[in-house]
Amino acid sequence: MFHLRRIFKTNPGMARKVATLAYQEAQIFKDAGQRTDFSVYFNGGTTPAEKDSVVLEWTDASIQSIYRESNDIPEGALQVGREISELTIDHRLEINELLTPDKMLD
């Protein structure tokens, strides 16, 4: 099991808009059965975290590209992704293995 975190650095003042779009895109993937429950959070400058940032987090059993040959990318996901790209300066993906009881050491 993996914990995935996509972090966006938005254009100034666009954090809430990007957060809304990231939520919509993640929901499209979830509705298509390609994503588990997720969380989106943002900072538009009202908290002490990094300003103009958005984070999308979810867990998954495996790491798979949405562009894999066998995947049918859900309708609307690419369009929302393009909108996010227009409003962001950069993004990165952090992937960590989730500690589950079966992986714990004695």
C-alpha atoms as a PDB file:
ATOM      1  CA  MET A   1       0.000   0.000   0.000  1.00  0.00           C
ATOM      2  CA  PHE A   2       1.280   3.448  -0.883  1.00  0.00           C
ATOM      3  CA  HIS A   3       0.582   6.994   0.277  1.00  0.00           C
ATOM      4  CA  LEU A   4       0.673   9.487  -2.586  1.00  0.00           C
ATOM      5  CA  ARG A   5       0.860  13.247  -2.244  1.00  0.00           C
ATOM      6  CA  ARG A   6       0.732  15.599  -5.224  1.00  0.00           C
ATOM      7  CA  ILE A   7       1.884  19.087  -4.259  1.00  0.00           C
ATOM      8  CA  PHE A   8       1.128  22.076  -6.469  1.00  0.00           C
ATOM      9  CA  LYS A   9       2.775  25.505  -6.300  1.00  0.00           C
ATOM     10  CA  THR A  10       0.129  27.818  -7.724  1.00  0.00           C
ATOM     11  CA  ASN A  11       0.278  31.178  -9.395  1.00  0.00           C
ATOM     12  CA  PRO A  12      -0.247  33.907  -6.765  1.00  0.00           C
ATOM     13  CA  GLY A  13      -3.803  33.978  -5.465  1.00  0.00           C
ATOM     14  CA  MET A  14      -4.858  30.762  -7.245  1.00  0.00           C
ATOM     15  CA  ALA A  15      -4.585  28.217  -4.420  1.00  0.00           C
ATOM     16  CA  ARG A  16      -8.313  27.917  -3.740  1.00  0.00           C
ATOM     17  CA  LYS A  17      -9.135  27.645  -7.450  1.00  0.00           C
ATOM     18  CA  VAL A  18      -6.470  24.968  -7.988  1.00  0.00           C
ATOM     19  CA  ALA A  19      -7.668  23.120  -4.873  1.00  0.00           C
ATOM     20  CA  THR A  20     -11.202  23.097  -6.282  1.00  0.00           C
ATOM     21  CA  LEU A  21      -9.977  21.779  -9.636  1.00  0.00           C
ATOM     22  CA  ALA A  22      -7.731  19.159  -7.988  1.00  0.00           C
ATOM     23  CA  TYR A  23     -10.728  17.973  -5.974  1.00  0.00           C
ATOM     24  CA  GLN A  24     -12.872  17.765  -9.117  1.00  0.00           C
ATOM     25  CA  GLU A  25     -10.190  15.819 -10.999  1.00  0.00           C
ATOM     26  CA  ALA A  26      -9.641  13.399  -8.099  1.00  0.00           C
ATOM     27  CA  GLN A  27     -13.411  12.868  -7.854  1.00  0.00           C
ATOM     28  CA  ILE A  28     -13.559  12.045 -11.577  1.00  0.00           C
ATOM     29  CA  PHE A  29     -10.891   9.368 -11.057  1.00  0.00           C
ATOM     30  CA  LYS A  30     -12.649   8.089  -7.915  1.00  0.00           C
ATOM     31  CA  ASP A  31     -16.010   7.858  -9.681  1.00  0.00           C
ATOM     32  CA  ALA A  32     -14.297   5.845 -12.438  1.00  0.00           C
ATOM     33  CA  GLY A  33     -12.890   3.439  -9.822  1.00  0.00           C
ATOM     34  CA  GLN A  34      -9.309   4.593 -10.403  1.00  0.00           C
ATOM     35  CA  ARG A  35      -8.687   6.365  -7.088  1.00  0.00           C
ATOM     36  CA  THR A  36      -9.512   5.753  -3.444  1.00  0.00           C
ATOM     37  CA  ASP A  37     -10.787   8.324  -0.960  1.00  0.00           C
ATOM     38  CA  PHE A  38      -8.682  11.467  -1.085  1.00  0.00           C
ATOM     39  CA  SER A  39      -8.100  14.777   0.682  1.00  0.00           C
ATOM     40  CA  VAL A  40      -7.300  18.183  -0.765  1.00  0.00           C
ATOM     41  CA  TYR A  41      -5.958  21.076   1.249  1.00  0.00           C
ATOM     42  CA  PHE A  42      -4.601  24.479   0.351  1.00  0.00           C
ATOM     43  CA  ASN A  43      -3.000  27.638   1.670  1.00  0.00           C
ATOM     44  CA  GLY A  44      -3.886  30.885   0.009  1.00  0.00           C
ATOM     45  CA  GLY A  45      -1.950  32.862   2.614  1.00  0.00           C
ATOM     46  CA  THR A  46      -4.185  32.533   5.660  1.00  0.00           C
ATOM     47  CA  THR A  47      -2.139  29.908   7.506  1.00  0.00           C
ATOM     48  CA  PRO A  48       1.582  29.603   8.355  1.00  0.00           C
ATOM     49  CA  ALA A  49       2.187  26.855   5.756  1.00  0.00           C
ATOM     50  CA  GLU A  50       3.703  27.518   2.320  1.00  0.00           C
ATOM     51  CA  LYS A  51       1.615  30.195   0.585  1.00  0.00           C
ATOM     52  CA  ASP A  52      -0.041  29.454  -2.774  1.00  0.00           C
ATOM     53  CA  SER A  53       0.162  25.705  -2.322  1.00  0.00           C
ATOM     54  CA  VAL A  54      -2.282  22.834  -2.810  1.00  0.00           C
ATOM     55  CA  VAL A  55      -1.903  19.233  -1.696  1.00  0.00           C
ATOM     56  CA  LEU A  56      -3.864  16.233  -2.962  1.00  0.00           C
ATOM     57  CA  GLU A  57      -3.383  13.018  -0.933  1.00  0.00           C
ATOM     58  CA  TRP A  58      -4.636   9.476  -1.359  1.00  0.00           C
ATOM     59  CA  THR A  59      -3.588   5.869  -0.822  1.00  0.00           C
ATOM     60  CA  ASP A  60      -3.388   3.100  -3.394  1.00  0.00           C
ATOM     61  CA  ALA A  61      -2.428  -0.560  -3.482  1.00  0.00           C
ATOM     62  CA  SER A  62      -0.043   0.009  -6.397  1.00  0.00           C
ATOM     63  CA  ILE A  63       1.655   2.774  -8.339  1.00  0.00           C
ATOM     64  CA  GLN A  64       0.351   3.024 -11.905  1.00  0.00           C
ATOM     65  CA  SER A  65       0.582   5.717 -14.538  1.00  0.00           C
ATOM     66  CA  ILE A  66      -2.722   7.068 -15.791  1.00  0.00           C
ATOM     67  CA  TYR A  67      -1.142   6.886 -19.248  1.00  0.00           C
ATOM     68  CA  ARG A  68      -0.632   3.109 -19.120  1.00  0.00           C
ATOM     69  CA  GLU A  69      -1.792   1.373 -22.279  1.00  0.00           C
ATOM     70  CA  SER A  70      -4.643  -0.533 -20.660  1.00  0.00           C
ATOM     71  CA  ASN A  71      -6.127   2.521 -18.920  1.00  0.00           C
ATOM     72  CA  ASP A  72      -9.238   4.303 -20.076  1.00  0.00           C
ATOM     73  CA  ILE A  73      -8.706   7.853 -18.792  1.00  0.00           C
ATOM     74  CA  PRO A  74     -12.045   9.146 -17.467  1.00  0.00           C
ATOM     75  CA  GLU A  75     -13.934  11.775 -19.430  1.00  0.00           C
ATOM     76  CA  GLY A  76     -13.073  15.256 -18.248  1.00  0.00           C
ATOM     77  CA  ALA A  77      -9.957  14.352 -16.259  1.00  0.00           C
ATOM     78  CA  LEU A  78      -7.504  15.582 -18.889  1.00  0.00           C
ATOM     79  CA  GLN A  79      -9.396  18.853 -19.369  1.00  0.00           C
ATOM     80  CA  VAL A  80      -9.367  19.576 -15.630  1.00  0.00           C
ATOM     81  CA  GLY A  81      -5.666  18.666 -15.554  1.00  0.00           C
ATOM     82  CA  ARG A  82      -4.968  21.207 -18.305  1.00  0.00           C
ATOM     83  CA  GLU A  83      -6.797  23.891 -16.305  1.00  0.00           C
ATOM     84  CA  ILE A  84      -4.666  23.066 -13.261  1.00  0.00           C
ATOM     85  CA  SER A  85      -1.494  23.323 -15.374  1.00  0.00           C
ATOM     86  CA  GLU A  86      -2.454  26.822 -16.513  1.00  0.00           C
ATOM     87  CA  LEU A  87      -2.790  27.978 -12.896  1.00  0.00           C
ATOM     88  CA  THR A  88       0.339  26.394 -11.434  1.00  0.00           C
ATOM     89  CA  ILE A  89       4.038  27.153 -11.468  1.00  0.00           C
ATOM     90  CA  ASP A  90       5.201  23.655 -10.545  1.00  0.00           C
ATOM     91  CA  HIS A  91       4.103  20.379  -9.004  1.00  0.00           C
ATOM     92  CA  ARG A  92       5.676  17.254  -7.620  1.00  0.00           C
ATOM     93  CA  LEU A  93       4.573  13.824  -6.528  1.00  0.00           C
ATOM     94  CA  GLU A  94       5.718  12.224  -3.286  1.00  0.00           C
ATOM     95  CA  ILE A  95       5.212   8.488  -2.935  1.00  0.00           C
ATOM     96  CA  ASN A  96       5.820   6.617   0.306  1.00  0.00           C
ATOM     97  CA  GLU A  97       5.129   3.064   1.325  1.00  0.00           C
ATOM     98  CA  LEU A  98       2.364   2.955   3.909  1.00  0.00           C
ATOM     99  CA  LEU A  99       3.142   0.979   7.042  1.00  0.00           C
ATOM    100  CA  THR A 100       0.459  -1.662   7.420  1.00  0.00           C
ATOM    101  CA  PRO A 101       0.263  -4.304  10.177  1.00  0.00           C
ATOM    102  CA  ASP A 102       1.624  -7.015   7.862  1.00  0.00           C
ATOM    103  CA  LYS A 103       4.796  -4.954   7.264  1.00  0.00           C
ATOM    104  CA  MET A 104       5.545  -4.258  10.926  1.00  0.00           C
ATOM    105  CA  LEU A 105       8.633  -5.737  12.524  1.00  0.00           C
ATOM    106  CA  ASP A 106       8.406  -7.853  15.626  1.00  0.00           C
END
